[in-house]
Amino acid sequence: MYCVHIILLSSLVKPKNVLMLVIDDLRPALGCYDDVQNKVLTPNIDQLASHSVKFTEAYAQQALCAPSRVSFLTSRRPDTTRLYDFHHYWRTFAGNYTTLPQYFKENGYFTQSVGKVFHPGITSGTDSDYPLSWTVPAYHPPSLKFTYTKVCPGPDGKLHENLLCAVDVEEQPMKTLPDIQSKDYAIAALKNRSLSDDPFFLAVGFHKPHIPFRFPKKFLDLYPINEILPPPHPKLPLDLPPVAWNPWEDIRGREDIAALNISMPYGPMPDHYTLLIRQHYYAATTYMDGLVGDVLQTLDELNLTNDTVVVLFGDHGWQLGENQEWAKYSNFRVATSVPLLVSVPGMTSRDPKYPHKDPFTGYGQPSPAKYETSAFTELVDIFPTLADITGVGTVPQCPEISNDVILCTEGLSFAPVLRNISSGQKQVNWKSGIFTQFPRPSDTPDPISDNPGLANTTIMGYSTITQDYRYTEWVHFNRSGFHGDWSKVHARELYLHGSDPEESHNLAAKVEYHKLVAEASEILHLGWRHALPKK
């Protein structure tokens, strides 16, 4: 039997609802993130930013969907969830941890999942952790089953399983797309919840811009190929250890990319396809933005904006040719960095409004974020923060060994950051850095390097990101103890943010940086607890 802890909400003050928008593979390539180079059109997310705090230094714990989602939904890091792949359910493999929606459910909220919130499948049990996390069964769009089938029109007049997949929606199976179905279901869910007095926690997960880039073809018109710019540093980084490389096998497996016969493991991608992939990623992002706008506009129409906390973020980033890399599967900052917007009525905004913005009709300049902070934030921080700002409760910090602890966090509530910045104060005494990781099967790139699975993981790359650098150690990984062995270092990486923001030159082996490497190594070994603000 699973243990539960129930704390009844006070009937005197109705708590804030929560709308959590999780976007798959979304890097901070958004108008509100000042993406001047690419000018990505995201008017609806920009509008949300105008009522939000924008976090410019937010990171996932691992650049892979299932581990990242289980991590932020339990507020535990991958070595605690013991999930680095798609093959285990944390409740039976690691510990019976309380999840973010479960905590709200046990405190009187109606909780509902629409689209990709938990990664579906074994990593979240039989049905996205229902009934423990959700009041009703999770909704997954029926048309999702066609994602990995031949539905992409090719120049030969046939259908293919391509990476680039701009389509006529009416010609698609079921005459729709998964995110359109999720949007419609989320709108219906909001309408149903507006008829109830109970507070709700609604999580909506959009699949795009995750590959394949299948979206209505009209969105390509917004991004003429002759206006797409190449990545700022498209070459293989200097002195990159081979273990750090992800060979982007999921992209290579697509019919259109396979036909290019790109050399394994480094490529590079042909220049023209580099521009095409970037074009399609941006178009998919704008398509997703419109669906987000539909959901936010429904909050307006139902008069729920003043009663609802809105948080939007990506589950991890995505590489678009920077450093000759594609997809995620690495410790590069572009793979772990995510957008994070948090709107709290009465704190970050007064009477927020979200009328739908159409990128095809013109909407002026991107709305600037209401507030902005460079405070280091990790996705494990979201759980304790939402519990804090809604008044649901305080989530205690996890002890060193927490497998038997049902409720705790390996993150930190950033509610103090929200309160300080929205009241005009300067945030001080915050985290000194963040921590990410990624597994590898070997010292050299392998066809399974991107997703080796626990059974094949022999090396783990642990990273810390501070104000000045990103430092990584690739160390022997103990699969039975779920920890790295710092005494067996396979490779190191050091990138200085000030002189090398693109992480194009690894300095770890340079004699003049040995002292800094030693200092960074000590910080990495001490871990996330020692990066927390000093009391």
Protein backbone atom coordinates (compact mmCIF):
# COMPACT_ATOMS: atom_id res chain seq x y z
CA MET A 1 0.00 0.00 0.00
CA TYR A 2 1.19 3.50 -0.77
CA CYS A 3 1.24 5.91 2.11
CA VAL A 4 -0.44 9.29 1.65
CA HIS A 5 -0.37 12.49 3.64
CA ILE A 6 -3.46 14.66 3.41
CA ILE A 7 -3.65 18.27 4.57
CA LEU A 8 -7.03 19.86 4.06
CA LEU A 9 -7.09 23.32 2.52
CA SER A 10 -8.63 26.14 4.49
CA SER A 11 -12.15 26.91 3.36
CA LEU A 12 -11.71 30.57 4.21
CA VAL A 13 -9.39 31.52 1.33
CA LYS A 14 -9.56 29.87 -2.06
CA PRO A 15 -6.02 28.95 -3.10
CA LYS A 16 -4.56 29.80 -6.46
CA ASN A 17 -5.01 27.39 -9.34
CA VAL A 18 -1.93 26.21 -11.24
CA LEU A 19 -1.54 25.94 -15.01
CA MET A 20 1.77 24.25 -15.80
CA LEU A 21 2.85 24.32 -19.46
CA VAL A 22 5.65 21.87 -20.27
CA ILE A 23 7.17 22.18 -23.75
CA ASP A 24 9.17 19.30 -25.23
CA ASP A 25 12.76 20.04 -26.35
CA LEU A 26 12.31 23.81 -26.01
CA ARG A 27 15.49 25.86 -25.85
CA PRO A 28 15.28 29.58 -24.99
CA ALA A 29 14.76 30.46 -28.67
CA LEU A 30 11.83 32.77 -27.98
CA GLY A 31 11.10 36.39 -28.73
CA CYS A 32 11.01 37.26 -25.03
CA TYR A 33 14.48 35.73 -24.61
CA ASP A 34 15.93 38.33 -26.96
CA ASP A 35 16.84 35.79 -29.64
CA VAL A 36 18.00 38.57 -31.95
CA GLN A 37 19.92 36.30 -34.31
CA ASN A 38 16.98 34.10 -35.24
CA LYS A 39 13.98 36.36 -34.51
CA VAL A 40 11.75 33.47 -33.47
CA LEU A 41 8.09 34.48 -33.47
CA THR A 42 6.42 33.56 -30.17
CA PRO A 43 3.92 36.36 -29.52
CA ASN A 44 1.76 34.38 -27.07
CA ILE A 45 4.61 33.18 -24.90
CA ASP A 46 6.03 36.71 -25.08
CA GLN A 47 2.72 38.01 -23.80
CA LEU A 48 2.89 35.57 -20.89
CA ALA A 49 6.41 36.86 -20.20
CA SER A 50 5.04 40.40 -19.91
CA HIS A 51 3.18 39.22 -16.78
CA SER A 52 5.98 36.98 -15.51
CA VAL A 53 9.42 36.67 -14.04
CA LYS A 54 11.78 35.42 -16.75
CA PHE A 55 14.64 33.22 -15.59
CA THR A 56 17.68 33.46 -17.84
CA GLU A 57 19.78 30.81 -16.06
CA ALA A 58 17.39 27.85 -15.75
CA TYR A 59 18.59 24.30 -16.39
CA ALA A 60 17.37 20.72 -16.60
CA GLN A 61 19.09 17.98 -14.61
CA GLN A 62 19.57 15.75 -17.65
CA ALA A 63 19.04 16.49 -21.34
CA LEU A 64 16.67 13.60 -22.03
CA CYS A 65 12.87 13.64 -21.76
CA ALA A 66 12.01 10.85 -19.31
CA PRO A 67 14.80 11.44 -16.77
CA SER A 68 14.22 15.19 -16.83
CA ARG A 69 10.46 14.89 -16.32
CA VAL A 70 10.69 12.37 -13.52
CA SER A 71 13.33 14.60 -11.93
CA PHE A 72 11.30 17.83 -11.90
CA LEU A 73 8.02 16.07 -11.08
CA THR A 74 9.55 14.38 -8.02
CA SER A 75 12.06 17.16 -7.26
CA ARG A 76 14.82 14.53 -7.08
CA ARG A 77 17.96 14.34 -9.16
CA PRO A 78 18.70 11.45 -11.54
CA ASP A 79 21.03 9.63 -9.14
CA THR A 80 18.11 9.56 -6.67
CA THR A 81 15.35 8.65 -9.12
CA ARG A 82 17.81 6.14 -10.63
CA LEU A 83 16.37 6.98 -14.02
CA TYR A 84 18.74 7.90 -16.85
CA ASP A 85 16.73 6.30 -19.67
CA PHE A 86 13.22 4.99 -20.40
CA HIS A 87 13.27 1.64 -18.63
CA HIS A 88 12.30 2.01 -14.95
CA TYR A 89 9.45 3.30 -12.77
CA TRP A 90 10.90 5.24 -9.87
CA ARG A 91 8.28 4.09 -7.35
CA THR A 92 9.37 0.47 -7.67
CA PHE A 93 13.01 1.00 -8.63
CA ALA A 94 14.13 3.88 -6.40
CA GLY A 95 11.53 4.96 -3.84
CA ASN A 96 7.86 5.84 -3.40
CA TYR A 97 8.41 9.56 -3.90
CA THR A 98 5.57 12.06 -3.78
CA THR A 99 5.19 13.94 -7.06
CA LEU A 100 4.34 17.57 -7.65
CA PRO A 101 0.75 16.91 -8.82
CA GLN A 102 0.31 14.24 -6.13
CA TYR A 103 1.19 16.77 -3.42
CA PHE A 104 -1.42 19.17 -4.76
CA LYS A 105 -3.98 16.37 -5.08
CA GLU A 106 -3.42 15.30 -1.49
CA ASN A 107 -3.96 18.91 -0.45
CA GLY A 108 -7.40 19.28 -2.00
CA TYR A 109 -6.64 20.10 -5.63
CA PHE A 110 -8.20 18.55 -8.71
CA THR A 111 -5.17 17.45 -10.73
CA GLN A 112 -5.18 16.67 -14.43
CA SER A 113 -2.58 15.81 -17.07
CA VAL A 114 -3.02 16.64 -20.76
CA GLY A 115 -0.46 15.67 -23.40
CA LYS A 116 3.15 14.90 -22.55
CA VAL A 117 3.74 15.71 -18.88
CA PHE A 118 5.25 12.52 -17.51
CA HIS A 119 6.97 10.62 -20.27
CA PRO A 120 4.41 7.93 -21.13
CA GLY A 121 5.36 4.30 -20.64
CA ILE A 122 7.18 2.36 -17.98
CA THR A 123 8.96 5.41 -16.53
CA SER A 124 5.65 6.68 -15.14
CA GLY A 125 3.88 3.38 -14.50
CA THR A 126 0.97 2.17 -16.55
CA ASP A 127 -0.78 5.52 -17.04
CA SER A 128 1.40 8.55 -16.29
CA ASP A 129 1.31 7.79 -12.54
CA TYR A 130 -2.49 7.72 -12.34
CA PRO A 131 -4.22 7.50 -9.88
CA LEU A 132 -1.51 8.63 -7.46
CA SER A 133 -0.66 11.89 -9.23
CA TRP A 134 -3.87 12.66 -11.06
CA THR A 135 -7.55 12.89 -10.11
CA VAL A 136 -8.59 11.56 -13.53
CA PRO A 137 -6.67 9.44 -16.07
CA ALA A 138 -4.01 11.29 -18.05
CA TYR A 139 -4.96 12.31 -21.58
CA HIS A 140 -2.68 11.40 -24.47
CA PRO A 141 -3.74 12.56 -27.96
CA PRO A 142 -4.84 9.60 -30.12
CA SER A 143 -3.04 10.91 -33.21
CA LEU A 144 0.29 10.62 -31.39
CA LYS A 145 0.49 7.01 -32.58
CA PHE A 146 1.28 8.26 -36.09
CA THR A 147 4.39 10.20 -35.02
CA TYR A 148 6.82 7.47 -36.02
CA THR A 149 5.08 6.35 -39.20
CA LYS A 150 5.27 7.36 -42.87
CA VAL A 151 3.14 10.50 -42.82
CA CYS A 152 5.58 13.05 -44.26
CA PRO A 153 5.11 14.02 -47.93
CA GLY A 154 8.28 13.81 -50.00
CA PRO A 155 9.27 15.34 -53.34
CA ASP A 156 8.74 11.90 -54.92
CA GLY A 157 5.02 12.07 -54.14
CA LYS A 158 5.31 9.31 -51.54
CA LEU A 159 5.00 9.40 -47.74
CA HIS A 160 8.12 9.02 -45.62
CA GLU A 161 9.31 8.92 -42.02
CA ASN A 162 11.25 12.16 -42.23
CA LEU A 163 12.75 14.68 -39.84
CA LEU A 164 11.41 17.62 -41.86
CA CYS A 165 7.66 17.13 -42.01
CA ALA A 166 5.64 20.25 -42.79
CA VAL A 167 2.16 18.96 -43.67
CA ASP A 168 -1.36 19.74 -44.77
CA VAL A 169 -3.28 18.90 -41.60
CA GLU A 170 -6.37 17.81 -43.53
CA GLU A 171 -4.28 15.12 -45.22
CA GLN A 172 -2.89 13.74 -41.96
CA PRO A 173 -4.32 10.67 -40.19
CA MET A 174 -7.44 11.71 -38.24
CA LYS A 175 -7.11 15.12 -40.01
CA THR A 176 -5.38 16.60 -36.99
CA LEU A 177 -2.08 16.68 -35.07
CA PRO A 178 -1.29 15.60 -31.49
CA ASP A 179 -0.74 19.08 -30.07
CA ILE A 180 -3.98 20.35 -31.61
CA GLN A 181 -5.82 17.53 -29.83
CA SER A 182 -4.04 18.31 -26.56
CA LYS A 183 -4.90 22.00 -26.90
CA ASP A 184 -8.58 21.22 -27.46
CA TYR A 185 -8.65 18.82 -24.51
CA ALA A 186 -6.92 21.37 -22.25
CA ILE A 187 -9.47 24.03 -23.18
CA ALA A 188 -12.31 21.63 -22.39
CA ALA A 189 -10.64 20.79 -19.08
CA LEU A 190 -10.41 24.47 -18.15
CA LYS A 191 -14.06 24.98 -18.98
CA ASN A 192 -15.01 22.04 -16.78
CA ARG A 193 -12.88 23.30 -13.89
CA SER A 194 -14.43 26.78 -14.12
CA LEU A 195 -17.72 25.17 -13.03
CA SER A 196 -16.18 23.84 -9.80
CA ASP A 197 -15.19 25.57 -6.58
CA ASP A 198 -12.23 23.27 -6.10
CA PRO A 199 -8.78 24.59 -7.01
CA PHE A 200 -7.09 22.84 -9.91
CA PHE A 201 -3.61 21.86 -10.97
CA LEU A 202 -3.69 21.45 -14.75
CA ALA A 203 -0.50 20.29 -16.48
CA VAL A 204 -0.43 20.61 -20.27
CA GLY A 205 2.47 19.14 -22.22
CA PHE A 206 3.03 20.14 -25.85
CA HIS A 207 5.17 17.84 -28.03
CA LYS A 208 6.53 20.38 -30.50
CA PRO A 209 9.22 21.38 -31.24
CA HIS A 210 10.30 17.76 -30.51
CA ILE A 211 11.20 15.82 -33.65
CA PRO A 212 9.87 14.98 -36.14
CA PHE A 213 9.13 18.55 -37.16
CA ARG A 214 5.52 17.77 -38.11
CA PHE A 215 3.39 20.91 -38.12
CA PRO A 216 1.07 22.83 -40.50
CA LYS A 217 3.19 23.81 -43.47
CA LYS A 218 1.99 27.41 -43.47
CA PHE A 219 4.34 28.14 -40.57
CA LEU A 220 7.33 27.74 -42.87
CA ASP A 221 6.18 30.92 -44.64
CA LEU A 222 7.20 32.86 -41.53
CA TYR A 223 10.82 31.74 -41.94
CA PRO A 224 12.13 32.18 -45.52
CA ILE A 225 15.14 29.91 -45.90
CA ASN A 226 17.28 32.78 -47.22
CA GLU A 227 16.77 34.58 -43.89
CA ILE A 228 17.82 31.66 -41.69
CA LEU A 229 21.26 32.16 -40.17
CA PRO A 230 23.77 29.38 -39.46
CA PRO A 231 24.69 28.60 -35.85
CA PRO A 232 27.24 31.00 -34.35
CA HIS A 233 29.89 28.30 -33.88
CA PRO A 234 29.19 25.36 -36.23
CA LYS A 235 32.53 23.55 -35.85
CA LEU A 236 33.63 20.69 -33.60
CA PRO A 237 34.94 22.21 -30.32
CA LEU A 238 38.69 22.30 -29.84
CA ASP A 239 40.05 19.59 -27.53
CA LEU A 240 36.63 18.04 -26.97
CA PRO A 241 37.00 14.60 -25.32
CA PRO A 242 35.25 11.96 -27.46
CA VAL A 243 33.13 10.80 -24.51
CA ALA A 244 31.42 14.20 -24.47
CA TRP A 245 30.08 13.82 -28.01
CA ASN A 246 26.51 12.79 -28.82
CA PRO A 247 26.25 11.38 -32.37
CA TRP A 248 22.55 12.37 -32.77
CA GLU A 249 21.42 8.90 -33.83
CA ASP A 250 17.71 9.77 -33.57
CA ILE A 251 18.16 12.33 -36.34
CA ARG A 252 20.34 10.06 -38.47
CA GLY A 253 17.60 7.43 -38.42
CA ARG A 254 15.09 9.62 -40.24
CA GLU A 255 14.70 8.82 -43.94
CA ASP A 256 15.57 12.29 -45.23
CA ILE A 257 18.71 12.55 -43.07
CA ALA A 258 19.76 8.94 -43.68
CA ALA A 259 19.74 9.68 -47.42
CA LEU A 260 22.49 12.28 -46.86
CA ASN A 261 24.98 9.56 -45.80
CA ILE A 262 26.51 11.73 -43.08
CA SER A 263 29.69 10.27 -41.64
CA MET A 264 29.57 8.75 -38.17
CA PRO A 265 30.03 10.04 -35.49
CA TYR A 266 30.87 13.70 -36.10
CA GLY A 267 29.21 14.54 -39.39
CA PRO A 268 29.04 17.40 -40.16
CA MET A 269 25.53 18.14 -41.35
CA PRO A 270 25.50 19.67 -44.87
CA ASP A 271 25.17 23.45 -44.73
CA HIS A 272 21.84 23.53 -46.56
CA TYR A 273 20.29 20.96 -44.22
CA THR A 274 21.66 22.89 -41.24
CA LEU A 275 19.55 25.83 -42.35
CA LEU A 276 16.52 23.63 -43.11
CA ILE A 277 16.57 22.02 -39.67
CA ARG A 278 16.87 25.39 -37.96
CA GLN A 279 14.02 26.74 -40.10
CA HIS A 280 11.77 23.81 -39.19
CA TYR A 281 12.60 24.01 -35.48
CA TYR A 282 11.60 27.69 -35.42
CA ALA A 283 8.42 27.04 -37.40
CA ALA A 284 7.48 24.20 -35.04
CA THR A 285 8.07 26.54 -32.10
CA THR A 286 5.78 29.22 -33.55
CA TYR A 287 3.11 26.57 -34.23
CA MET A 288 3.32 25.49 -30.58
CA ASP A 289 3.18 29.12 -29.43
CA GLY A 290 -0.21 29.58 -31.09
CA LEU A 291 -1.61 26.58 -29.21
CA VAL A 292 -0.26 27.94 -25.95
CA GLY A 293 -2.02 31.20 -26.84
CA ASP A 294 -5.33 29.37 -27.29
CA VAL A 295 -5.04 27.84 -23.81
CA LEU A 296 -4.06 31.14 -22.20
CA GLN A 297 -6.89 32.98 -23.95
CA THR A 298 -9.30 30.47 -22.41
CA LEU A 299 -8.13 31.60 -18.97
CA ASP A 300 -9.22 35.10 -19.98
CA GLU A 301 -12.58 33.99 -21.30
CA LEU A 302 -13.31 32.04 -18.11
CA ASN A 303 -12.14 34.89 -15.84
CA LEU A 304 -9.49 32.65 -14.31
CA THR A 305 -6.37 34.75 -14.89
CA ASN A 306 -6.39 36.41 -11.48
CA ASP A 307 -6.82 33.06 -9.76
CA THR A 308 -4.20 31.05 -11.64
CA VAL A 309 -0.43 30.77 -11.34
CA VAL A 310 1.04 30.04 -14.78
CA VAL A 311 4.45 28.44 -15.21
CA LEU A 312 5.96 27.61 -18.62
CA PHE A 313 9.25 25.84 -19.25
CA GLY A 314 11.06 23.35 -21.47
CA ASP A 315 12.03 19.88 -20.26
CA HIS A 316 15.56 20.52 -21.62
CA GLY A 317 17.17 22.38 -24.50
CA TRP A 318 18.05 21.32 -28.04
CA GLN A 319 21.20 21.77 -30.11
CA LEU A 320 20.74 23.33 -33.54
CA GLY A 321 24.15 22.82 -35.09
CA GLU A 322 26.15 24.66 -32.44
CA ASN A 323 29.53 22.94 -32.07
CA GLN A 324 28.49 20.61 -34.92
CA GLU A 325 25.97 19.03 -32.51
CA TRP A 326 22.27 18.27 -32.89
CA ALA A 327 19.45 17.18 -30.60
CA LYS A 328 20.05 16.92 -26.84
CA TYR A 329 21.95 14.05 -25.16
CA SER A 330 24.87 16.10 -23.84
CA ASN A 331 26.12 18.42 -21.12
CA PHE A 332 26.55 21.42 -23.41
CA ARG A 333 24.65 24.35 -21.96
CA VAL A 334 22.54 24.68 -25.10
CA ALA A 335 21.26 21.15 -24.37
CA THR A 336 20.48 21.72 -20.68
CA SER A 337 19.39 25.38 -20.73
CA VAL A 338 15.63 26.00 -20.77
CA PRO A 339 13.22 28.94 -20.77
CA LEU A 340 11.32 29.42 -17.52
CA LEU A 341 8.47 31.92 -17.06
CA VAL A 342 6.45 32.22 -13.85
CA SER A 343 3.36 34.42 -13.56
CA VAL A 344 1.83 34.89 -10.12
CA PRO A 345 -1.26 37.13 -10.04
CA GLY A 346 -0.93 39.72 -7.30
CA MET A 347 2.84 39.27 -7.24
CA THR A 348 4.28 39.50 -10.74
CA SER A 349 1.25 41.09 -12.36
CA ARG A 350 -2.11 42.72 -11.72
CA ASP A 351 -5.11 41.55 -13.72
CA PRO A 352 -3.13 39.71 -16.44
CA LYS A 353 -4.77 39.36 -19.86
CA TYR A 354 -3.95 36.86 -22.60
CA PRO A 355 -5.77 37.65 -25.85
CA HIS A 356 -4.55 35.34 -28.61
CA LYS A 357 -1.77 36.75 -30.82
CA ASP A 358 -1.54 35.70 -34.46
CA PRO A 359 2.01 35.74 -35.94
CA PHE A 360 0.59 35.97 -39.48
CA THR A 361 -1.26 39.24 -38.96
CA GLY A 362 1.46 41.26 -37.26
CA TYR A 363 1.55 42.09 -33.57
CA GLY A 364 4.36 44.60 -33.17
CA GLN A 365 7.54 44.08 -31.17
CA PRO A 366 7.87 41.14 -28.75
CA SER A 367 6.47 41.94 -25.33
CA PRO A 368 9.36 42.30 -22.90
CA ALA A 369 9.35 40.24 -19.73
CA LYS A 370 7.81 42.02 -16.77
CA TYR A 371 10.77 41.03 -14.62
CA GLU A 372 14.03 39.25 -15.35
CA THR A 373 16.53 37.46 -13.16
CA SER A 374 19.80 35.62 -13.71
CA ALA A 375 19.41 33.71 -10.43
CA PHE A 376 20.51 30.12 -10.96
CA THR A 377 17.46 27.89 -11.20
CA GLU A 378 17.04 24.18 -11.76
CA LEU A 379 13.93 22.29 -12.79
CA VAL A 380 14.00 20.42 -9.47
CA ASP A 381 13.15 23.81 -7.92
CA ILE A 382 9.71 24.02 -9.53
CA PHE A 383 7.96 21.57 -7.17
CA PRO A 384 8.86 23.35 -3.89
CA THR A 385 8.28 26.75 -5.49
CA LEU A 386 4.71 26.04 -6.64
CA ALA A 387 3.89 24.51 -3.26
CA ASP A 388 5.30 27.62 -1.59
CA ILE A 389 3.67 30.37 -3.66
CA THR A 390 0.23 28.73 -3.61
CA GLY A 391 0.37 28.19 0.14
CA VAL A 392 -0.05 24.43 -0.22
CA GLY A 393 2.94 23.75 1.99
CA THR A 394 6.68 23.75 2.52
CA VAL A 395 8.56 20.84 1.03
CA PRO A 396 11.49 19.85 3.29
CA GLN A 397 14.96 19.37 1.91
CA CYS A 398 15.98 15.76 1.35
CA PRO A 399 18.60 14.15 3.59
CA GLU A 400 21.74 12.70 1.99
CA ILE A 401 20.01 9.32 1.59
CA SER A 402 16.33 9.82 0.82
CA ASN A 403 15.07 6.64 -0.84
CA ASP A 404 12.78 5.96 2.14
CA VAL A 405 11.65 9.60 2.43
CA ILE A 406 8.28 10.04 0.71
CA LEU A 407 8.19 13.85 0.56
CA CYS A 408 11.27 16.01 0.18
CA THR A 409 13.12 18.11 -2.38
CA GLU A 410 16.59 18.12 -3.85
CA GLY A 411 15.83 21.57 -5.17
CA LEU A 412 15.04 24.89 -3.54
CA SER A 413 11.95 27.07 -3.64
CA PHE A 414 12.73 30.19 -5.65
CA ALA A 415 9.70 31.98 -4.18
CA PRO A 416 12.09 34.43 -2.45
CA VAL A 417 13.46 35.38 -5.89
CA LEU A 418 9.92 35.96 -7.20
CA ARG A 419 8.96 38.05 -4.19
CA ASN A 420 12.13 40.13 -4.16
CA ILE A 421 12.28 40.93 -7.85
CA SER A 422 8.56 41.71 -8.12
CA SER A 423 8.84 44.10 -5.20
CA GLY A 424 11.77 45.94 -6.75
CA GLN A 425 14.49 44.48 -4.55
CA LYS A 426 17.79 43.08 -5.75
CA GLN A 427 18.10 39.36 -5.19
CA VAL A 428 21.13 38.42 -3.10
CA ASN A 429 22.43 35.27 -1.44
CA TRP A 430 21.19 32.73 -3.92
CA LYS A 431 22.56 29.51 -5.45
CA SER A 432 26.17 29.70 -6.58
CA GLY A 433 25.69 27.16 -9.34
CA ILE A 434 23.68 24.30 -10.80
CA PHE A 435 24.33 20.61 -11.53
CA THR A 436 23.55 18.40 -14.53
CA GLN A 437 24.63 14.98 -15.76
CA PHE A 438 24.56 12.61 -18.71
CA PRO A 439 25.44 8.89 -19.11
CA ARG A 440 27.69 7.28 -21.72
CA PRO A 441 28.44 3.65 -22.63
CA SER A 442 32.09 4.18 -23.58
CA ASP A 443 34.95 6.64 -23.97
CA THR A 444 34.35 6.97 -27.69
CA PRO A 445 31.11 7.72 -29.56
CA ASP A 446 28.93 4.68 -30.05
CA PRO A 447 25.56 4.20 -31.80
CA ILE A 448 23.98 4.00 -28.31
CA SER A 449 25.90 6.97 -26.82
CA ASP A 450 22.83 9.21 -26.88
CA ASN A 451 20.70 6.86 -24.80
CA PRO A 452 22.78 3.95 -23.48
CA GLY A 453 20.34 2.74 -20.83
CA LEU A 454 21.44 1.87 -17.31
CA ALA A 455 22.61 -1.62 -18.33
CA ASN A 456 25.16 -0.14 -20.75
CA THR A 457 26.20 2.95 -18.78
CA THR A 458 29.82 2.78 -17.70
CA ILE A 459 30.61 6.51 -17.52
CA MET A 460 28.68 9.48 -16.17
CA GLY A 461 29.41 13.08 -17.08
CA TYR A 462 28.73 15.31 -14.07
CA SER A 463 28.68 19.08 -14.67
CA THR A 464 28.51 22.20 -12.60
CA ILE A 465 27.67 25.58 -14.10
CA THR A 466 28.71 28.71 -12.22
CA GLN A 467 28.71 32.36 -13.15
CA ASP A 468 32.12 31.97 -14.76
CA TYR A 469 32.33 28.50 -16.28
CA ARG A 470 30.92 25.07 -17.04
CA TYR A 471 33.07 22.28 -15.66
CA THR A 472 32.47 18.57 -16.35
CA GLU A 473 34.09 15.36 -15.18
CA TRP A 474 33.41 12.12 -17.01
CA VAL A 475 33.92 9.43 -14.36
CA HIS A 476 33.43 5.71 -13.91
CA PHE A 477 29.81 5.03 -12.95
CA ASN A 478 28.77 2.52 -10.30
CA ARG A 479 25.55 1.02 -11.70
CA SER A 480 24.60 -0.78 -8.51
CA GLY A 481 25.25 2.19 -6.22
CA PHE A 482 23.99 4.85 -8.65
CA HIS A 483 26.93 7.18 -8.19
CA GLY A 484 30.10 8.23 -9.88
CA ASP A 485 33.60 7.31 -8.76
CA TRP A 486 35.58 10.55 -8.55
CA SER A 487 38.84 8.60 -8.36
CA LYS A 488 38.40 7.25 -11.89
CA VAL A 489 38.22 10.27 -14.18
CA HIS A 490 38.01 9.52 -17.90
CA ALA A 491 37.94 13.12 -19.18
CA ARG A 492 37.38 16.72 -18.13
CA GLU A 493 35.85 19.80 -19.74
CA LEU A 494 36.20 23.48 -18.84
CA TYR A 495 34.57 26.35 -20.74
CA LEU A 496 34.79 30.00 -19.70
CA HIS A 497 31.51 31.88 -20.20
CA GLY A 498 33.08 35.30 -20.60
CA SER A 499 35.43 34.48 -23.48
CA ASP A 500 33.68 31.39 -24.85
CA PRO A 501 29.89 31.54 -24.41
CA GLU A 502 29.39 28.95 -27.17
CA GLU A 503 31.58 26.39 -25.32
CA SER A 504 33.76 25.93 -28.40
CA HIS A 505 37.16 25.44 -26.72
CA ASN A 506 37.76 23.00 -23.88
CA LEU A 507 40.48 24.42 -21.61
CA ALA A 508 40.63 21.65 -19.01
CA ALA A 509 44.00 20.28 -20.19
CA LYS A 510 45.69 23.68 -20.49
CA VAL A 511 48.44 24.12 -17.87
CA GLU A 512 47.43 27.69 -17.10
CA TYR A 513 43.96 26.50 -16.00
CA HIS A 514 45.01 23.64 -13.72
CA LYS A 515 44.34 25.68 -10.58
CA LEU A 516 40.84 26.60 -11.79
CA VAL A 517 40.19 22.97 -12.74
CA ALA A 518 41.16 21.88 -9.22
CA GLU A 519 38.83 24.48 -7.69
CA ALA A 520 35.97 23.55 -10.02
CA SER A 521 36.52 19.86 -9.33
CA GLU A 522 36.15 20.46 -5.60
CA ILE A 523 32.91 22.36 -6.17
CA LEU A 524 31.59 19.57 -8.37
CA HIS A 525 32.45 16.89 -5.79
CA LEU A 526 30.82 18.83 -2.96
CA GLY A 527 27.62 18.86 -5.00
CA TRP A 528 24.38 20.79 -5.11
CA ARG A 529 23.90 21.13 -1.36
CA HIS A 530 27.03 23.25 -1.07
CA ALA A 531 25.79 25.58 -3.81
CA LEU A 532 22.68 26.52 -1.82
CA PRO A 533 22.53 30.04 -0.35
CA LYS A 534 24.34 30.39 2.94
CA LYS A 535 22.11 31.20 5.89
